Amino acid sequence: MEDLRKEGFSPEHNTPQFCSAIRRADFLEENGLEITGIEGPPSKQSTTVVVNYRVLPREGGATVESTPQSPTETPKERAHRLTGKLFGLMKDEIAAHGGAEGYMRWVRSDDHQDAR
């Protein structure tokens, strides 16, 4: 959560900021993506919004993630490589609420203020 604050995301207003950020032209260009559809409420600013992307071809015909790191990379290894940066992302936030159960209680509560 502290990383998000440094980038200008506040805990109270991060959903609209995130929803806008993943549709920005510079984000799309930097990641070689094109939006093919957006599902959700008319505001497109909800935790239920689904953004569908298409990976655009890069110069030389390759796509952003079309070439695995290893020619023998299995689907499981590829999934681990692509999602490995997410591991431990919420560790400090969950600990601040006394563990997973306390964190889930806080998420489901009406108190959206930072409990620390």
C-alpha atoms as a PDB file:
ATOM      1  CA  MET A   1       0.000   0.000   0.000  1.00  0.00           C
ATOM      2  CA  GLU A   2       2.905   2.337   0.735  1.00  0.00           C
ATOM      3  CA  ASP A   3       4.132   1.936  -2.860  1.00  0.00           C
ATOM      4  CA  LEU A   4       0.724   3.057  -4.113  1.00  0.00           C
ATOM      5  CA  ARG A   5       0.783   6.118  -1.847  1.00  0.00           C
ATOM      6  CA  LYS A   6       4.197   7.106  -3.251  1.00  0.00           C
ATOM      7  CA  GLU A   7       2.681   6.964  -6.738  1.00  0.00           C
ATOM      8  CA  GLY A   8      -0.236   9.192  -5.702  1.00  0.00           C
ATOM      9  CA  PHE A   9      -2.867   6.509  -5.028  1.00  0.00           C
ATOM     10  CA  SER A  10      -4.851   7.001  -1.846  1.00  0.00           C
ATOM     11  CA  PRO A  11      -6.586   4.071  -0.109  1.00  0.00           C
ATOM     12  CA  GLU A  12      -9.917   5.910  -0.244  1.00  0.00           C
ATOM     13  CA  HIS A  13      -9.834   6.688  -3.973  1.00  0.00           C
ATOM     14  CA  ASN A  14      -7.634   4.043  -5.579  1.00  0.00           C
ATOM     15  CA  THR A  15     -10.331   2.278  -7.621  1.00  0.00           C
ATOM     16  CA  PRO A  16     -11.121   5.231  -9.923  1.00  0.00           C
ATOM     17  CA  GLN A  17      -7.415   6.039 -10.275  1.00  0.00           C
ATOM     18  CA  PHE A  18      -6.551   2.440 -11.114  1.00  0.00           C
ATOM     19  CA  CYS A  19      -9.449   2.103 -13.565  1.00  0.00           C
ATOM     20  CA  SER A  20      -8.295   5.245 -15.358  1.00  0.00           C
ATOM     21  CA  ALA A  21      -4.618   4.266 -15.333  1.00  0.00           C
ATOM     22  CA  ILE A  22      -5.149   0.907 -17.050  1.00  0.00           C
ATOM     23  CA  ARG A  23      -6.920   2.651 -19.946  1.00  0.00           C
ATOM     24  CA  ARG A  24      -4.394   5.468 -20.464  1.00  0.00           C
ATOM     25  CA  ALA A  25      -2.703   5.736 -23.847  1.00  0.00           C
ATOM     26  CA  ASP A  26       0.815   5.746 -22.369  1.00  0.00           C
ATOM     27  CA  PHE A  27       0.093   2.546 -20.384  1.00  0.00           C
ATOM     28  CA  LEU A  28      -1.282   0.847 -23.475  1.00  0.00           C
ATOM     29  CA  GLU A  29       1.615   1.955 -25.666  1.00  0.00           C
ATOM     30  CA  GLU A  30       4.288   1.047 -23.115  1.00  0.00           C
ATOM     31  CA  ASN A  31       2.871  -2.472 -22.751  1.00  0.00           C
ATOM     32  CA  GLY A  32       2.005  -3.024 -26.418  1.00  0.00           C
ATOM     33  CA  LEU A  33      -1.724  -3.348 -25.742  1.00  0.00           C
ATOM     34  CA  GLU A  34      -4.987  -2.360 -27.372  1.00  0.00           C
ATOM     35  CA  ILE A  35      -8.313  -2.336 -25.524  1.00  0.00           C
ATOM     36  CA  THR A  36     -10.813  -4.647 -27.234  1.00  0.00           C
ATOM     37  CA  GLY A  37     -13.625  -4.172 -24.737  1.00  0.00           C
ATOM     38  CA  ILE A  38     -14.585  -2.867 -21.321  1.00  0.00           C
ATOM     39  CA  GLU A  39     -17.275  -4.562 -19.265  1.00  0.00           C
ATOM     40  CA  GLY A  40     -18.893  -3.169 -16.151  1.00  0.00           C
ATOM     41  CA  PRO A  41     -20.960  -0.232 -14.991  1.00  0.00           C
ATOM     42  CA  PRO A  42     -21.374   2.829 -17.248  1.00  0.00           C
ATOM     43  CA  SER A  43     -18.869   4.815 -15.163  1.00  0.00           C
ATOM     44  CA  LYS A  44     -16.156   2.196 -15.893  1.00  0.00           C
ATOM     45  CA  GLN A  45     -14.869   3.001 -12.381  1.00  0.00           C
ATOM     46  CA  SER A  46     -15.611  -0.032 -10.228  1.00  0.00           C
ATOM     47  CA  THR A  47     -13.900  -3.068  -8.746  1.00  0.00           C
ATOM     48  CA  THR A  48     -16.109  -5.101 -11.080  1.00  0.00           C
ATOM     49  CA  VAL A  49     -14.784  -3.544 -14.311  1.00  0.00           C
ATOM     50  CA  VAL A  50     -13.161  -5.994 -16.729  1.00  0.00           C
ATOM     51  CA  VAL A  51     -10.820  -4.574 -19.379  1.00  0.00           C
ATOM     52  CA  ASN A  52     -10.051  -6.856 -22.326  1.00  0.00           C
ATOM     53  CA  TYR A  53      -6.763  -6.249 -24.128  1.00  0.00           C
ATOM     54  CA  ARG A  54      -5.141  -7.476 -27.316  1.00  0.00           C
ATOM     55  CA  VAL A  55      -1.353  -7.746 -27.451  1.00  0.00           C
ATOM     56  CA  LEU A  56      -0.115  -5.760 -30.442  1.00  0.00           C
ATOM     57  CA  PRO A  57       2.658  -7.012 -32.711  1.00  0.00           C
ATOM     58  CA  ARG A  58       6.014  -5.380 -32.178  1.00  0.00           C
ATOM     59  CA  GLU A  59       8.520  -4.456 -34.852  1.00  0.00           C
ATOM     60  CA  GLY A  60       9.805  -7.617 -36.481  1.00  0.00           C
ATOM     61  CA  GLY A  61       6.509  -9.444 -35.970  1.00  0.00           C
ATOM     62  CA  ALA A  62       7.052 -10.536 -32.335  1.00  0.00           C
ATOM     63  CA  THR A  63       4.500  -9.726 -29.668  1.00  0.00           C
ATOM     64  CA  VAL A  64       5.242  -8.409 -26.190  1.00  0.00           C
ATOM     65  CA  GLU A  65       5.016 -11.784 -24.439  1.00  0.00           C
ATOM     66  CA  SER A  66       4.955 -14.157 -27.393  1.00  0.00           C
ATOM     67  CA  THR A  67       8.514 -15.383 -26.898  1.00  0.00           C
ATOM     68  CA  PRO A  68       9.067 -17.243 -23.620  1.00  0.00           C
ATOM     69  CA  GLN A  69      12.307 -16.782 -21.682  1.00  0.00           C
ATOM     70  CA  SER A  70      13.242 -20.420 -22.309  1.00  0.00           C
ATOM     71  CA  PRO A  71      12.359 -22.507 -25.388  1.00  0.00           C
ATOM     72  CA  THR A  72      11.272 -25.346 -23.050  1.00  0.00           C
ATOM     73  CA  GLU A  73       9.201 -23.181 -20.716  1.00  0.00           C
ATOM     74  CA  THR A  74       6.056 -24.987 -19.566  1.00  0.00           C
ATOM     75  CA  PRO A  75       2.731 -23.200 -19.096  1.00  0.00           C
ATOM     76  CA  LYS A  76       3.206 -23.512 -15.323  1.00  0.00           C
ATOM     77  CA  GLU A  77       6.689 -21.938 -15.525  1.00  0.00           C
ATOM     78  CA  ARG A  78       5.382 -19.141 -17.749  1.00  0.00           C
ATOM     79  CA  ALA A  79       2.540 -18.410 -15.328  1.00  0.00           C
ATOM     80  CA  HIS A  80       5.006 -18.305 -12.435  1.00  0.00           C
ATOM     81  CA  ARG A  81       7.333 -15.975 -14.375  1.00  0.00           C
ATOM     82  CA  LEU A  82       4.510 -13.591 -15.307  1.00  0.00           C
ATOM     83  CA  THR A  83       2.893 -13.485 -11.859  1.00  0.00           C
ATOM     84  CA  GLY A  84       5.969 -13.920  -9.676  1.00  0.00           C
ATOM     85  CA  LYS A  85       6.207 -10.188  -8.952  1.00  0.00           C
ATOM     86  CA  LEU A  86       2.826 -10.338  -7.227  1.00  0.00           C
ATOM     87  CA  PHE A  87       4.067 -12.753  -4.558  1.00  0.00           C
ATOM     88  CA  GLY A  88       4.049 -11.055  -1.155  1.00  0.00           C
ATOM     89  CA  LEU A  89       2.547  -7.837  -2.516  1.00  0.00           C
ATOM     90  CA  MET A  90      -0.101  -7.603   0.221  1.00  0.00           C
ATOM     91  CA  LYS A  91       2.009  -9.092   3.049  1.00  0.00           C
ATOM     92  CA  ASP A  92       2.493  -5.838   4.988  1.00  0.00           C
ATOM     93  CA  GLU A  93      -1.096  -4.687   4.466  1.00  0.00           C
ATOM     94  CA  ILE A  94      -2.495  -8.014   5.725  1.00  0.00           C
ATOM     95  CA  ALA A  95      -0.145  -8.001   8.721  1.00  0.00           C
ATOM     96  CA  ALA A  96      -1.274  -4.465   9.631  1.00  0.00           C
ATOM     97  CA  HIS A  97      -4.792  -5.824  10.097  1.00  0.00           C
ATOM     98  CA  GLY A  98      -3.716  -8.756  12.262  1.00  0.00           C
ATOM     99  CA  GLY A  99      -3.597 -11.407   9.561  1.00  0.00           C
ATOM    100  CA  ALA A 100      -5.774 -12.598   6.709  1.00  0.00           C
ATOM    101  CA  GLU A 101      -8.949 -12.907   8.787  1.00  0.00           C
ATOM    102  CA  GLY A 102      -8.611  -9.374  10.181  1.00  0.00           C
ATOM    103  CA  TYR A 103      -7.814  -8.008   6.736  1.00  0.00           C
ATOM    104  CA  MET A 104     -10.909  -9.648   5.232  1.00  0.00           C
ATOM    105  CA  ARG A 105     -13.040  -8.301   8.076  1.00  0.00           C
ATOM    106  CA  TRP A 106     -11.685  -4.801   7.348  1.00  0.00           C
ATOM    107  CA  VAL A 107     -12.289  -5.154   3.585  1.00  0.00           C
ATOM    108  CA  ARG A 108     -15.877  -6.237   4.168  1.00  0.00           C
ATOM    109  CA  SER A 109     -16.558  -3.504   6.718  1.00  0.00           C
ATOM    110  CA  ASP A 110     -17.847  -0.011   6.007  1.00  0.00           C
ATOM    111  CA  ASP A 111     -14.708   1.475   7.576  1.00  0.00           C
ATOM    112  CA  HIS A 112     -12.578   2.221   4.511  1.00  0.00           C
ATOM    113  CA  GLN A 113     -10.136   4.376   6.426  1.00  0.00           C
ATOM    114  CA  ASP A 114      -6.619   3.044   6.911  1.00  0.00           C
ATOM    115  CA  ALA A 115      -6.735   1.033  10.156  1.00  0.00           C
ATOM    116  CA  ARG A 116      -3.052   1.563  11.010  1.00  0.00           C
END
